Amino acid sequence: MTTPDERTRALVQAGAFLKELRADRTLPESIRTEAHRLLRHYPSISDVRSIAVAIADHPWLPLLSVEQDPDWLRGYRHGAHKDF
């Protein structure tokens, strides 16, 4: 069973992965363009935090701070997805 922490981490990491694809000049332009298109509509860290605030009675709210667990973004050179 997936925990809220695991689900949140996967959401953050997927956004970071899209950023990696968008920035990788070794990939075909079509892949980078698609990553950029998806990333434009992908929830940012602040979006995820806003959702958490809306349901603040959940105990996983503090886990939304990537700074608390830098392993979430280990290997993603470009970091978490933030607002455009």
N, C-alpha and C. Protein backbone atom coordinates (compact mmCIF):
# COMPACT_ATOMS: atom_id res chain seq x y z
N MET A 1 0.84 -1.18 0.00
CA MET A 1 0.00 0.00 0.00
C MET A 1 0.89 1.24 0.00
N THR A 2 0.55 2.20 -0.80
CA THR A 2 1.30 3.44 -0.90
C THR A 2 0.89 4.38 0.23
N THR A 3 1.88 4.93 0.90
CA THR A 3 1.61 5.89 1.98
C THR A 3 1.53 7.30 1.40
N PRO A 4 0.93 8.24 2.13
CA PRO A 4 0.91 9.62 1.66
C PRO A 4 2.32 10.16 1.41
N ASP A 5 3.28 9.78 2.26
CA ASP A 5 4.65 10.22 2.08
C ASP A 5 5.21 9.71 0.75
N GLU A 6 5.00 8.45 0.45
CA GLU A 6 5.50 7.87 -0.80
C GLU A 6 4.83 8.51 -2.02
N ARG A 7 3.55 8.74 -1.91
CA ARG A 7 2.81 9.36 -3.01
C ARG A 7 3.30 10.79 -3.25
N THR A 8 3.51 11.52 -2.18
CA THR A 8 3.99 12.89 -2.30
C THR A 8 5.39 12.91 -2.88
N ARG A 9 6.25 12.03 -2.40
CA ARG A 9 7.63 11.95 -2.90
C ARG A 9 7.62 11.63 -4.40
N ALA A 10 6.77 10.70 -4.83
CA ALA A 10 6.70 10.34 -6.25
C ALA A 10 6.23 11.53 -7.08
N LEU A 11 5.30 12.30 -6.57
CA LEU A 11 4.83 13.49 -7.27
C LEU A 11 5.96 14.50 -7.45
N VAL A 12 6.68 14.76 -6.37
CA VAL A 12 7.81 15.70 -6.42
C VAL A 12 8.90 15.18 -7.37
N GLN A 13 9.21 13.90 -7.28
CA GLN A 13 10.26 13.33 -8.12
C GLN A 13 9.86 13.31 -9.60
N ALA A 14 8.60 13.07 -9.90
CA ALA A 14 8.16 13.08 -11.30
C ALA A 14 8.33 14.47 -11.91
N GLY A 15 8.02 15.51 -11.14
CA GLY A 15 8.25 16.88 -11.62
C GLY A 15 9.72 17.14 -11.86
N ALA A 16 10.56 16.68 -10.95
CA ALA A 16 12.01 16.84 -11.12
C ALA A 16 12.50 16.07 -12.34
N PHE A 17 11.95 14.88 -12.58
CA PHE A 17 12.33 14.08 -13.73
C PHE A 17 11.96 14.79 -15.04
N LEU A 18 10.78 15.38 -15.09
CA LEU A 18 10.39 16.15 -16.27
C LEU A 18 11.36 17.30 -16.52
N LYS A 19 11.81 17.95 -15.45
CA LYS A 19 12.80 19.02 -15.60
C LYS A 19 14.09 18.48 -16.17
N GLU A 20 14.51 17.30 -15.73
CA GLU A 20 15.73 16.68 -16.25
C GLU A 20 15.58 16.40 -17.74
N LEU A 21 14.45 15.85 -18.14
CA LEU A 21 14.23 15.56 -19.56
C LEU A 21 14.26 16.84 -20.38
N ARG A 22 13.60 17.87 -19.87
CA ARG A 22 13.53 19.14 -20.60
C ARG A 22 14.91 19.75 -20.80
N ALA A 23 15.80 19.56 -19.86
CA ALA A 23 17.12 20.19 -19.91
C ALA A 23 18.18 19.34 -20.64
N ASP A 24 17.89 18.09 -20.91
CA ASP A 24 18.89 17.17 -21.48
C ASP A 24 19.02 17.37 -22.98
N ARG A 25 20.07 18.06 -23.39
CA ARG A 25 20.30 18.38 -24.80
C ARG A 25 20.67 17.15 -25.64
N THR A 26 20.94 16.02 -25.00
CA THR A 26 21.25 14.81 -25.75
C THR A 26 19.99 14.11 -26.24
N LEU A 27 18.84 14.50 -25.69
CA LEU A 27 17.57 13.89 -26.10
C LEU A 27 17.02 14.61 -27.34
N PRO A 28 16.20 13.91 -28.11
CA PRO A 28 15.57 14.56 -29.27
C PRO A 28 14.70 15.74 -28.83
N GLU A 29 14.63 16.73 -29.69
CA GLU A 29 13.83 17.93 -29.41
C GLU A 29 12.38 17.57 -29.09
N SER A 30 11.83 16.56 -29.75
CA SER A 30 10.43 16.19 -29.51
C SER A 30 10.21 15.72 -28.07
N ILE A 31 11.17 15.01 -27.50
CA ILE A 31 11.08 14.55 -26.10
C ILE A 31 11.16 15.75 -25.16
N ARG A 32 12.11 16.63 -25.41
CA ARG A 32 12.27 17.82 -24.55
C ARG A 32 11.06 18.73 -24.64
N THR A 33 10.48 18.86 -25.83
CA THR A 33 9.29 19.69 -26.01
C THR A 33 8.11 19.10 -25.25
N GLU A 34 7.95 17.78 -25.34
CA GLU A 34 6.85 17.13 -24.62
C GLU A 34 7.04 17.25 -23.11
N ALA A 35 8.26 17.09 -22.62
CA ALA A 35 8.53 17.25 -21.19
C ALA A 35 8.18 18.68 -20.76
N HIS A 36 8.53 19.65 -21.57
CA HIS A 36 8.22 21.05 -21.25
C HIS A 36 6.71 21.27 -21.23
N ARG A 37 6.01 20.71 -22.22
CA ARG A 37 4.55 20.87 -22.27
C ARG A 37 3.89 20.27 -21.04
N LEU A 38 4.31 19.08 -20.65
CA LEU A 38 3.75 18.43 -19.47
C LEU A 38 4.09 19.20 -18.20
N LEU A 39 5.30 19.69 -18.13
CA LEU A 39 5.76 20.41 -16.94
C LEU A 39 5.00 21.71 -16.73
N ARG A 40 4.57 22.33 -17.81
CA ARG A 40 3.82 23.59 -17.69
C ARG A 40 2.52 23.41 -16.93
N HIS A 41 1.97 22.19 -16.93
CA HIS A 41 0.70 21.93 -16.26
C HIS A 41 0.86 20.99 -15.07
N TYR A 42 2.08 20.69 -14.74
CA TYR A 42 2.36 19.76 -13.65
C TYR A 42 2.34 20.53 -12.33
N PRO A 43 1.82 19.93 -11.26
CA PRO A 43 1.78 20.67 -9.98
C PRO A 43 3.18 20.97 -9.45
N SER A 44 3.39 22.21 -9.09
CA SER A 44 4.66 22.63 -8.52
C SER A 44 4.70 22.29 -7.03
N ILE A 45 5.85 22.50 -6.43
CA ILE A 45 5.97 22.30 -4.98
C ILE A 45 4.95 23.16 -4.24
N SER A 46 4.79 24.40 -4.68
CA SER A 46 3.82 25.27 -3.99
C SER A 46 2.38 24.77 -4.19
N ASP A 47 2.08 24.18 -5.35
CA ASP A 47 0.76 23.60 -5.56
C ASP A 47 0.52 22.44 -4.60
N VAL A 48 1.53 21.59 -4.46
CA VAL A 48 1.41 20.44 -3.56
C VAL A 48 1.24 20.92 -2.12
N ARG A 49 1.98 21.96 -1.75
CA ARG A 49 1.83 22.52 -0.39
C ARG A 49 0.43 23.09 -0.20
N SER A 50 -0.11 23.75 -1.22
CA SER A 50 -1.46 24.32 -1.11
C SER A 50 -2.50 23.23 -0.89
N ILE A 51 -2.33 22.13 -1.60
CA ILE A 51 -3.24 21.00 -1.41
C ILE A 51 -3.14 20.50 0.03
N ALA A 52 -1.92 20.39 0.51
CA ALA A 52 -1.71 19.90 1.88
C ALA A 52 -2.33 20.84 2.91
N VAL A 53 -2.22 22.14 2.68
CA VAL A 53 -2.81 23.10 3.60
C VAL A 53 -4.33 22.96 3.62
N ALA A 54 -4.90 22.67 2.47
CA ALA A 54 -6.34 22.50 2.39
C ALA A 54 -6.83 21.30 3.21
N ILE A 55 -5.94 20.33 3.39
CA ILE A 55 -6.29 19.14 4.18
C ILE A 55 -5.29 19.01 5.33
N ALA A 56 -5.06 20.12 6.01
CA ALA A 56 -3.99 20.23 7.01
C ALA A 56 -4.12 19.28 8.20
N ASP A 57 -5.22 18.61 8.34
CA ASP A 57 -5.34 17.69 9.47
C ASP A 57 -4.58 16.39 9.23
N HIS A 58 -3.96 16.26 8.06
CA HIS A 58 -3.19 15.05 7.78
C HIS A 58 -1.78 15.13 8.36
N PRO A 59 -1.30 14.07 8.95
CA PRO A 59 0.00 14.08 9.62
C PRO A 59 1.19 14.19 8.67
N TRP A 60 1.01 14.00 7.38
CA TRP A 60 2.14 14.05 6.45
C TRP A 60 2.46 15.45 5.97
N LEU A 61 1.73 16.45 6.40
CA LEU A 61 1.97 17.82 5.97
C LEU A 61 3.43 18.26 6.12
N PRO A 62 4.10 17.99 7.25
CA PRO A 62 5.49 18.44 7.37
C PRO A 62 6.42 17.79 6.35
N LEU A 63 6.06 16.65 5.79
CA LEU A 63 6.92 15.96 4.84
C LEU A 63 6.97 16.63 3.48
N LEU A 64 6.17 17.67 3.29
CA LEU A 64 6.18 18.35 2.01
C LEU A 64 7.36 19.29 1.85
N SER A 65 8.15 19.46 2.86
CA SER A 65 9.34 20.28 2.75
C SER A 65 10.47 19.43 2.23
N VAL A 66 10.83 19.62 0.98
CA VAL A 66 11.91 18.85 0.37
C VAL A 66 13.21 19.09 1.13
N GLU A 67 13.33 20.27 1.72
CA GLU A 67 14.53 20.58 2.48
C GLU A 67 14.69 19.64 3.68
N GLN A 68 13.59 19.10 4.19
CA GLN A 68 13.66 18.18 5.33
C GLN A 68 14.23 16.84 4.93
N ASP A 69 14.06 16.45 3.68
CA ASP A 69 14.57 15.16 3.21
C ASP A 69 15.20 15.34 1.84
N PRO A 70 16.47 15.75 1.80
CA PRO A 70 17.12 16.02 0.51
C PRO A 70 17.25 14.77 -0.37
N ASP A 71 17.09 13.58 0.19
CA ASP A 71 17.15 12.36 -0.62
C ASP A 71 16.03 12.30 -1.65
N TRP A 72 14.95 13.02 -1.40
CA TRP A 72 13.85 13.03 -2.36
C TRP A 72 14.34 13.45 -3.74
N LEU A 73 15.28 14.37 -3.79
CA LEU A 73 15.73 14.91 -5.08
C LEU A 73 17.17 14.54 -5.41
N ARG A 74 17.71 13.57 -4.72
CA ARG A 74 19.07 13.13 -5.02
C ARG A 74 19.09 12.57 -6.44
N GLY A 75 20.02 13.04 -7.24
CA GLY A 75 20.14 12.59 -8.62
C GLY A 75 19.40 13.46 -9.62
N TYR A 76 18.61 14.41 -9.14
CA TYR A 76 17.91 15.33 -10.03
C TYR A 76 18.65 16.67 -9.97
N ARG A 77 19.55 16.87 -10.92
CA ARG A 77 20.42 18.07 -10.90
C ARG A 77 19.63 19.37 -10.91
N HIS A 78 18.48 19.38 -11.54
CA HIS A 78 17.73 20.62 -11.70
C HIS A 78 16.70 20.86 -10.60
N GLY A 79 16.60 19.94 -9.65
CA GLY A 79 15.76 20.12 -8.48
C GLY A 79 14.28 19.94 -8.75
N ALA A 80 13.51 20.35 -7.76
CA ALA A 80 12.05 20.19 -7.80
C ALA A 80 11.43 21.17 -8.79
N HIS A 81 10.25 20.79 -9.26
CA HIS A 81 9.50 21.68 -10.15
C HIS A 81 8.90 22.82 -9.33
N LYS A 82 9.17 24.03 -9.76
CA LYS A 82 8.61 25.21 -9.12
C LYS A 82 7.76 25.95 -10.14
N ASP A 83 6.99 26.89 -9.69
CA ASP A 83 6.12 27.65 -10.60
C ASP A 83 6.95 28.30 -11.71
N PHE A 84 6.33 28.39 -12.88
CA PHE A 84 6.97 29.08 -13.99
C PHE A 84 6.99 30.56 -13.76
